[in-house]
């Protein structure tokens, strides 16, 4: 399994931006076992995350909305360290 994190391009009127964590699998069996064991069985019913399982692309994506200014502040701090 590979994991990719990406952020949306839109800052919404409440000051949030979409943060997407994409889990990429090699086969449907490992994807569905991961979904059942790691996500579905242990998640809170109203955790403000949006989970999407794409069986044809073998991906699971979790979308969470985070404060945009916090995200951009971390980007600036990372840039200063380089």
PDB file of N, CA and C in Angstrom:
ATOM      1  N   UNK A   1       0.840  -1.176   0.000  1.00  0.00           N
ATOM      2  CA  UNK A   1       0.000   0.000   0.000  1.00  0.00           C
ATOM      3  C   UNK A   1       0.887   1.242   0.000  1.00  0.00           C
ATOM      4  N   UNK A   2       0.500   2.212  -0.805  1.00  0.00           N
ATOM      5  CA  UNK A   2       1.148   3.514  -0.827  1.00  0.00           C
ATOM      6  C   UNK A   2       0.166   4.536  -0.265  1.00  0.00           C
ATOM      7  N   UNK A   3       0.697   5.615   0.295  1.00  0.00           N
ATOM      8  CA  UNK A   3      -0.141   6.669   0.848  1.00  0.00           C
ATOM      9  C   UNK A   3       0.302   8.002   0.258  1.00  0.00           C
ATOM     10  N   UNK A   4      -0.666   8.764  -0.252  1.00  0.00           N
ATOM     11  CA  UNK A   4      -0.383  10.094  -0.793  1.00  0.00           C
ATOM     12  C   UNK A   4      -1.274  11.104  -0.087  1.00  0.00           C
ATOM     13  N   UNK A   5      -0.714  12.263   0.236  1.00  0.00           N
ATOM     14  CA  UNK A   5      -1.496  13.339   0.830  1.00  0.00           C
ATOM     15  C   UNK A   5      -1.481  14.520  -0.125  1.00  0.00           C
ATOM     16  N   UNK A   6      -2.650  15.104  -0.316  1.00  0.00           N
ATOM     17  CA  UNK A   6      -2.744  16.281  -1.179  1.00  0.00           C
ATOM     18  C   UNK A   6      -3.795  17.229  -0.630  1.00  0.00           C
ATOM     19  N   UNK A   7      -3.689  18.474  -1.030  1.00  0.00           N
ATOM     20  CA  UNK A   7      -4.620  19.493  -0.577  1.00  0.00           C
ATOM     21  C   UNK A   7      -5.363  20.062  -1.779  1.00  0.00           C
ATOM     22  N   UNK A   8      -6.603  20.454  -1.539  1.00  0.00           N
ATOM     23  CA  UNK A   8      -7.411  21.042  -2.596  1.00  0.00           C
ATOM     24  C   UNK A   8      -6.918  22.432  -2.952  1.00  0.00           C
ATOM     25  N   UNK A   9      -7.538  23.018  -3.945  1.00  0.00           N
ATOM     26  CA  UNK A   9      -7.168  24.354  -4.401  1.00  0.00           C
ATOM     27  C   UNK A   9      -8.118  25.435  -3.912  1.00  0.00           C
ATOM     28  N   UNK A  10      -9.228  25.030  -3.337  1.00  0.00           N
ATOM     29  CA  UNK A  10     -10.255  25.981  -2.933  1.00  0.00           C
ATOM     30  C   UNK A  10     -10.219  26.211  -1.428  1.00  0.00           C
ATOM     31  N   UNK A  11     -10.190  27.471  -1.035  1.00  0.00           N
ATOM     32  CA  UNK A  11     -10.383  27.829   0.369  1.00  0.00           C
ATOM     33  C   UNK A  11     -11.845  28.252   0.489  1.00  0.00           C
ATOM     34  N   UNK A  12     -12.572  27.564   1.368  1.00  0.00           N
ATOM     35  CA  UNK A  12     -14.007  27.806   1.517  1.00  0.00           C
ATOM     36  C   UNK A  12     -14.271  28.973   2.457  1.00  0.00           C
ATOM     37  N   UNK A  13     -15.524  29.449   2.472  1.00  0.00           N
ATOM     38  CA  UNK A  13     -15.858  30.658   3.230  1.00  0.00           C
ATOM     39  C   UNK A  13     -15.707  30.490   4.740  1.00  0.00           C
ATOM     40  N   UNK A  14     -15.556  29.268   5.226  1.00  0.00           N
ATOM     41  CA  UNK A  14     -15.299  29.067   6.655  1.00  0.00           C
ATOM     42  C   UNK A  14     -13.803  28.966   6.951  1.00  0.00           C
ATOM     43  N   UNK A  15     -12.962  29.214   5.936  1.00  0.00           N
ATOM     44  CA  UNK A  15     -11.515  29.222   6.118  1.00  0.00           C
ATOM     45  C   UNK A  15     -10.861  27.857   6.033  1.00  0.00           C
ATOM     46  N   UNK A  16     -11.585  26.863   5.510  1.00  0.00           N
ATOM     47  CA  UNK A  16     -11.030  25.514   5.431  1.00  0.00           C
ATOM     48  C   UNK A  16     -10.616  25.158   4.007  1.00  0.00           C
ATOM     49  N   UNK A  17      -9.775  24.142   3.939  1.00  0.00           N
ATOM     50  CA  UNK A  17      -9.311  23.591   2.678  1.00  0.00           C
ATOM     51  C   UNK A  17      -9.379  22.066   2.805  1.00  0.00           C
ATOM     52  N   UNK A  18      -9.644  21.383   1.706  1.00  0.00           N
ATOM     53  CA  UNK A  18      -9.747  19.923   1.737  1.00  0.00           C
ATOM     54  C   UNK A  18      -8.361  19.298   1.800  1.00  0.00           C
ATOM     55  N   UNK A  19      -8.169  18.407   2.759  1.00  0.00           N
ATOM     56  CA  UNK A  19      -6.960  17.605   2.843  1.00  0.00           C
ATOM     57  C   UNK A  19      -7.368  16.173   2.519  1.00  0.00           C
ATOM     58  N   UNK A  20      -6.750  15.611   1.499  1.00  0.00           N
ATOM     59  CA  UNK A  20      -7.092  14.258   1.069  1.00  0.00           C
ATOM     60  C   UNK A  20      -5.911  13.325   1.289  1.00  0.00           C
ATOM     61  N   UNK A  21      -6.192  12.233   1.973  1.00  0.00           N
ATOM     62  CA  UNK A  21      -5.200  11.175   2.153  1.00  0.00           C
ATOM     63  C   UNK A  21      -5.686   9.990   1.328  1.00  0.00           C
ATOM     64  N   UNK A  22      -4.875   9.601   0.358  1.00  0.00           N
ATOM     65  CA  UNK A  22      -5.255   8.517  -0.554  1.00  0.00           C
ATOM     66  C   UNK A  22      -4.390   7.301  -0.292  1.00  0.00           C
ATOM     67  N   UNK A  23      -5.059   6.186  -0.021  1.00  0.00           N
ATOM     68  CA  UNK A  23      -4.399   4.900   0.179  1.00  0.00           C
ATOM     69  C   UNK A  23      -4.529   4.129  -1.131  1.00  0.00           C
ATOM     70  N   UNK A  24      -3.412   3.697  -1.690  1.00  0.00           N
ATOM     71  CA  UNK A  24      -3.391   3.039  -2.997  1.00  0.00           C
ATOM     72  C   UNK A  24      -2.968   1.584  -2.808  1.00  0.00           C
ATOM     73  N   UNK A  25      -3.784   0.675  -3.328  1.00  0.00           N
ATOM     74  CA  UNK A  25      -3.572  -0.757  -3.108  1.00  0.00           C
ATOM     75  C   UNK A  25      -3.250  -1.474  -4.409  1.00  0.00           C
ATOM     76  N   UNK A  26      -2.700  -2.661  -4.270  1.00  0.00           N
ATOM     77  CA  UNK A  26      -2.361  -3.481  -5.434  1.00  0.00           C
ATOM     78  C   UNK A  26      -3.465  -4.459  -5.796  1.00  0.00           C
ATOM     79  N   UNK A  27      -4.359  -4.765  -4.837  1.00  0.00           N
ATOM     80  CA  UNK A  27      -5.450  -5.696  -5.137  1.00  0.00           C
ATOM     81  C   UNK A  27      -6.658  -5.362  -4.270  1.00  0.00           C
ATOM     82  N   UNK A  28      -7.813  -5.798  -4.731  1.00  0.00           N
ATOM     83  CA  UNK A  28      -9.069  -5.467  -4.063  1.00  0.00           C
ATOM     84  C   UNK A  28      -9.194  -6.154  -2.705  1.00  0.00           C
ATOM     85  N   UNK A  29      -8.625  -7.337  -2.553  1.00  0.00           N
ATOM     86  CA  UNK A  29      -8.725  -8.050  -1.276  1.00  0.00           C
ATOM     87  C   UNK A  29      -8.016  -7.275  -0.169  1.00  0.00           C
ATOM     88  N   UNK A  30      -6.781  -6.864  -0.403  1.00  0.00           N
ATOM     89  CA  UNK A  30      -6.057  -6.111   0.630  1.00  0.00           C
ATOM     90  C   UNK A  30      -6.729  -4.766   0.894  1.00  0.00           C
ATOM     91  N   UNK A  31      -7.283  -4.152  -0.131  1.00  0.00           N
ATOM     92  CA  UNK A  31      -7.980  -2.882   0.052  1.00  0.00           C
ATOM     93  C   UNK A  31      -9.198  -3.051   0.949  1.00  0.00           C
ATOM     94  N   UNK A  32     -10.010  -4.048   0.685  1.00  0.00           N
ATOM     95  CA  UNK A  32     -11.228  -4.230   1.458  1.00  0.00           C
ATOM     96  C   UNK A  32     -10.930  -4.707   2.879  1.00  0.00           C
ATOM     97  N   UNK A  33      -9.886  -5.514   3.052  1.00  0.00           N
ATOM     98  CA  UNK A  33      -9.497  -5.907   4.407  1.00  0.00           C
ATOM     99  C   UNK A  33      -9.011  -4.699   5.207  1.00  0.00           C
ATOM    100  N   UNK A  34      -8.226  -3.848   4.575  1.00  0.00           N
ATOM    101  CA  UNK A  34      -7.760  -2.626   5.233  1.00  0.00           C
ATOM    102  C   UNK A  34      -8.953  -1.756   5.606  1.00  0.00           C
ATOM    103  N   UNK A  35      -9.879  -1.594   4.684  1.00  0.00           N
ATOM    104  CA  UNK A  35     -11.056  -0.765   4.947  1.00  0.00           C
ATOM    105  C   UNK A  35     -11.852  -1.318   6.124  1.00  0.00           C
ATOM    106  N   UNK A  36     -12.099  -2.610   6.119  1.00  0.00           N
ATOM    107  CA  UNK A  36     -12.891  -3.222   7.187  1.00  0.00           C
ATOM    108  C   UNK A  36     -12.161  -3.168   8.524  1.00  0.00           C
ATOM    109  N   UNK A  37     -10.909  -3.607   8.549  1.00  0.00           N
ATOM    110  CA  UNK A  37     -10.183  -3.755   9.808  1.00  0.00           C
ATOM    111  C   UNK A  37      -9.644  -2.439  10.371  1.00  0.00           C
ATOM    112  N   UNK A  38      -9.148  -1.571   9.510  1.00  0.00           N
ATOM    113  CA  UNK A  38      -8.470  -0.362   9.979  1.00  0.00           C
ATOM    114  C   UNK A  38      -9.364   0.874  10.001  1.00  0.00           C
ATOM    115  N   UNK A  39     -10.372   0.888   9.167  1.00  0.00           N
ATOM    116  CA  UNK A  39     -11.177   2.103   9.058  1.00  0.00           C
ATOM    117  C   UNK A  39     -12.581   1.880   9.609  1.00  0.00           C
ATOM    118  N   UNK A  40     -13.305   0.980   9.023  1.00  0.00           N
ATOM    119  CA  UNK A  40     -14.722   0.847   9.334  1.00  0.00           C
ATOM    120  C   UNK A  40     -14.967   0.406  10.768  1.00  0.00           C
ATOM    121  N   UNK A  41     -14.289  -0.622  11.225  1.00  0.00           N
ATOM    122  CA  UNK A  41     -14.549  -1.161  12.555  1.00  0.00           C
ATOM    123  C   UNK A  41     -14.143  -0.216  13.675  1.00  0.00           C
ATOM    124  N   UNK A  42     -13.166   0.647  13.451  1.00  0.00           N
ATOM    125  CA  UNK A  42     -12.667   1.493  14.526  1.00  0.00           C
ATOM    126  C   UNK A  42     -13.045   2.956  14.449  1.00  0.00           C
ATOM    127  N   UNK A  43     -13.811   3.338  13.451  1.00  0.00           N
ATOM    128  CA  UNK A  43     -14.073   4.776  13.282  1.00  0.00           C
ATOM    129  C   UNK A  43     -15.248   5.242  14.134  1.00  0.00           C
ATOM    130  N   UNK A  44     -15.219   6.511  14.458  1.00  0.00           N
ATOM    131  CA  UNK A  44     -16.351   7.143  15.132  1.00  0.00           C
ATOM    132  C   UNK A  44     -17.415   7.435  14.083  1.00  0.00           C
ATOM    133  N   UNK A  45     -18.684   7.258  14.407  1.00  0.00           N
ATOM    134  CA  UNK A  45     -19.743   7.455  13.407  1.00  0.00           C
ATOM    135  C   UNK A  45     -19.773   8.855  12.786  1.00  0.00           C
ATOM    136  N   UNK A  46     -19.499   9.876  13.572  1.00  0.00           N
ATOM    137  CA  UNK A  46     -19.557  11.257  13.062  1.00  0.00           C
ATOM    138  C   UNK A  46     -18.202  11.926  13.263  1.00  0.00           C
ATOM    139  N   UNK A  47     -17.181  11.399  12.590  1.00  0.00           N
ATOM    140  CA  UNK A  47     -15.816  11.892  12.780  1.00  0.00           C
ATOM    141  C   UNK A  47     -15.442  13.024  11.834  1.00  0.00           C
ATOM    142  N   UNK A  48     -16.403  13.525  11.069  1.00  0.00           N
ATOM    143  CA  UNK A  48     -16.195  14.628  10.114  1.00  0.00           C
ATOM    144  C   UNK A  48     -15.237  14.275   8.986  1.00  0.00           C
ATOM    145  N   UNK A  49     -14.986  12.996   8.779  1.00  0.00           N
ATOM    146  CA  UNK A  49     -14.191  12.545   7.642  1.00  0.00           C
ATOM    147  C   UNK A  49     -15.127  11.990   6.581  1.00  0.00           C
ATOM    148  N   UNK A  50     -14.742  12.163   5.345  1.00  0.00           N
ATOM    149  CA  UNK A  50     -15.500  11.592   4.243  1.00  0.00           C
ATOM    150  C   UNK A  50     -14.637  10.499   3.610  1.00  0.00           C
ATOM    151  N   UNK A  51     -15.107   9.255   3.705  1.00  0.00           N
ATOM    152  CA  UNK A  51     -14.356   8.122   3.172  1.00  0.00           C
ATOM    153  C   UNK A  51     -14.940   7.713   1.838  1.00  0.00           C
ATOM    154  N   UNK A  52     -14.074   7.493   0.861  1.00  0.00           N
ATOM    155  CA  UNK A  52     -14.500   7.058  -0.466  1.00  0.00           C
ATOM    156  C   UNK A  52     -13.650   5.865  -0.882  1.00  0.00           C
ATOM    157  N   UNK A  53     -14.324   4.755  -1.175  1.00  0.00           N
ATOM    158  CA  UNK A  53     -13.647   3.558  -1.660  1.00  0.00           C
ATOM    159  C   UNK A  53     -13.914   3.444  -3.150  1.00  0.00           C
ATOM    160  N   UNK A  54     -12.849   3.449  -3.939  1.00  0.00           N
ATOM    161  CA  UNK A  54     -12.989   3.326  -5.386  1.00  0.00           C
ATOM    162  C   UNK A  54     -12.463   1.948  -5.787  1.00  0.00           C
ATOM    163  N   UNK A  55     -13.379   1.031  -6.053  1.00  0.00           N
ATOM    164  CA  UNK A  55     -12.988  -0.345  -6.334  1.00  0.00           C
ATOM    165  C   UNK A  55     -12.280  -0.489  -7.668  1.00  0.00           C
ATOM    166  N   UNK A  56     -12.590   0.355  -8.643  1.00  0.00           N
ATOM    167  CA  UNK A  56     -11.934   0.224  -9.950  1.00  0.00           C
ATOM    168  C   UNK A  56     -10.520   0.792  -9.934  1.00  0.00           C
ATOM    169  N   UNK A  57     -10.270   1.822  -9.123  1.00  0.00           N
ATOM    170  CA  UNK A  57      -8.930   2.409  -9.040  1.00  0.00           C
ATOM    171  C   UNK A  57      -8.106   1.833  -7.894  1.00  0.00           C
ATOM    172  N   UNK A  58      -8.723   0.967  -7.081  1.00  0.00           N
ATOM    173  CA  UNK A  58      -8.065   0.351  -5.921  1.00  0.00           C
ATOM    174  C   UNK A  58      -7.520   1.407  -4.959  1.00  0.00           C
ATOM    175  N   UNK A  59      -8.367   2.392  -4.647  1.00  0.00           N
ATOM    176  CA  UNK A  59      -7.963   3.448  -3.727  1.00  0.00           C
ATOM    177  C   UNK A  59      -9.037   3.663  -2.665  1.00  0.00           C
ATOM    178  N   UNK A  60      -8.584   4.130  -1.520  1.00  0.00           N
ATOM    179  CA  UNK A  60      -9.455   4.622  -0.462  1.00  0.00           C
ATOM    180  C   UNK A  60      -8.989   6.033  -0.170  1.00  0.00           C
ATOM    181  N   UNK A  61      -9.913   6.982  -0.196  1.00  0.00           N
ATOM    182  CA  UNK A  61      -9.561   8.375   0.036  1.00  0.00           C
ATOM    183  C   UNK A  61     -10.335   8.902   1.235  1.00  0.00           C
ATOM    184  N   UNK A  62      -9.609   9.535   2.138  1.00  0.00           N
ATOM    185  CA  UNK A  62     -10.218  10.192   3.292  1.00  0.00           C
ATOM    186  C   UNK A  62     -10.069  11.693   3.097  1.00  0.00           C
ATOM    187  N   UNK A  63     -11.196  12.391   3.070  1.00  0.00           N
ATOM    188  CA  UNK A  63     -11.173  13.842   2.934  1.00  0.00           C
ATOM    189  C   UNK A  63     -11.570  14.467   4.265  1.00  0.00           C
ATOM    190  N   UNK A  64     -10.717  15.360   4.730  1.00  0.00           N
ATOM    191  CA  UNK A  64     -10.955  16.116   5.951  1.00  0.00           C
ATOM    192  C   UNK A  64     -10.755  17.583   5.612  1.00  0.00           C
ATOM    193  N   UNK A  65     -11.547  18.440   6.228  1.00  0.00           N
ATOM    194  CA  UNK A  65     -11.383  19.867   6.004  1.00  0.00           C
ATOM    195  C   UNK A  65     -10.593  20.455   7.158  1.00  0.00           C
ATOM    196  N   UNK A  66      -9.481  21.093   6.826  1.00  0.00           N
ATOM    197  CA  UNK A  66      -8.580  21.681   7.819  1.00  0.00           C
ATOM    198  C   UNK A  66      -8.496  23.178   7.598  1.00  0.00           C
ATOM    199  N   UNK A  67      -8.020  23.882   8.612  1.00  0.00           N
ATOM    200  CA  UNK A  67      -7.879  25.327   8.496  1.00  0.00           C
ATOM    201  C   UNK A  67      -6.803  25.665   7.464  1.00  0.00           C
ATOM    202  N   UNK A  68      -7.172  26.434   6.466  1.00  0.00           N
ATOM    203  CA  UNK A  68      -6.257  26.755   5.360  1.00  0.00           C
ATOM    204  C   UNK A  68      -5.028  27.509   5.842  1.00  0.00           C
ATOM    205  N   UNK A  69      -5.200  28.459   6.746  1.00  0.00           N
ATOM    206  CA  UNK A  69      -4.052  29.244   7.194  1.00  0.00           C
ATOM    207  C   UNK A  69      -3.048  28.385   7.950  1.00  0.00           C
ATOM    208  N   UNK A  70      -3.527  27.390   8.699  1.00  0.00           N
ATOM    209  CA  UNK A  70      -2.610  26.467   9.372  1.00  0.00           C
ATOM    210  C   UNK A  70      -1.808  25.673   8.351  1.00  0.00           C
ATOM    211  N   UNK A  71      -2.476  25.231   7.283  1.00  0.00           N
ATOM    212  CA  UNK A  71      -1.791  24.479   6.223  1.00  0.00           C
ATOM    213  C   UNK A  71      -0.718  25.335   5.564  1.00  0.00           C
ATOM    214  N   UNK A  72      -1.065  26.562   5.200  1.00  0.00           N
ATOM    215  CA  UNK A  72      -0.091  27.414   4.513  1.00  0.00           C
ATOM    216  C   UNK A  72       1.033  27.847   5.444  1.00  0.00           C
ATOM    217  N   UNK A  73       0.731  28.002   6.736  1.00  0.00           N
ATOM    218  CA  UNK A  73       1.786  28.336   7.705  1.00  0.00           C
ATOM    219  C   UNK A  73       2.803  27.201   7.770  1.00  0.00           C
ATOM    220  N   UNK A  74       2.333  25.947   7.772  1.00  0.00           N
ATOM    221  CA  UNK A  74       3.258  24.815   7.811  1.00  0.00           C
ATOM    222  C   UNK A  74       4.099  24.745   6.538  1.00  0.00           C
ATOM    223  N   UNK A  75       3.534  25.117   5.397  1.00  0.00           N
ATOM    224  CA  UNK A  75       4.301  25.136   4.149  1.00  0.00           C
ATOM    225  C   UNK A  75       5.413  26.177   4.213  1.00  0.00           C
ATOM    226  N   UNK A  76       5.105  27.333   4.784  1.00  0.00           N
ATOM    227  CA  UNK A  76       6.098  28.392   4.893  1.00  0.00           C
ATOM    228  C   UNK A  76       7.221  27.960   5.822  1.00  0.00           C
ATOM    229  N   UNK A  77       6.850  27.335   6.959  1.00  0.00           N
ATOM    230  CA  UNK A  77       7.870  26.886   7.922  1.00  0.00           C
ATOM    231  C   UNK A  77       8.739  25.803   7.318  1.00  0.00           C
ATOM    232  N   UNK A  78       8.168  24.888   6.534  1.00  0.00           N
ATOM    233  CA  UNK A  78       8.948  23.848   5.881  1.00  0.00           C
ATOM    234  C   UNK A  78       9.916  24.459   4.873  1.00  0.00           C
ATOM    235  N   UNK A  79       9.460  25.480   4.171  1.00  0.00           N
ATOM    236  CA  UNK A  79      10.303  26.149   3.195  1.00  0.00           C
ATOM    237  C   UNK A  79      11.480  26.851   3.842  1.00  0.00           C
ATOM    238  N   UNK A  80      11.302  27.373   5.061  1.00  0.00           N
ATOM    239  CA  UNK A  80      12.387  28.056   5.757  1.00  0.00           C
ATOM    240  C   UNK A  80      13.458  27.080   6.218  1.00  0.00           C
ATOM    241  N   UNK A  81      13.073  25.823   6.466  1.00  0.00           N
ATOM    242  CA  UNK A  81      14.041  24.839   6.936  1.00  0.00           C
ATOM    243  C   UNK A  81      14.963  24.367   5.829  1.00  0.00           C
ATOM    244  N   UNK A  82      14.531  24.440   4.602  1.00  0.00           N
ATOM    245  CA  UNK A  82      15.334  23.924   3.484  1.00  0.00           C
ATOM    246  C   UNK A  82      16.502  24.815   3.139  1.00  0.00           C
TER     247      UNK A  82
END
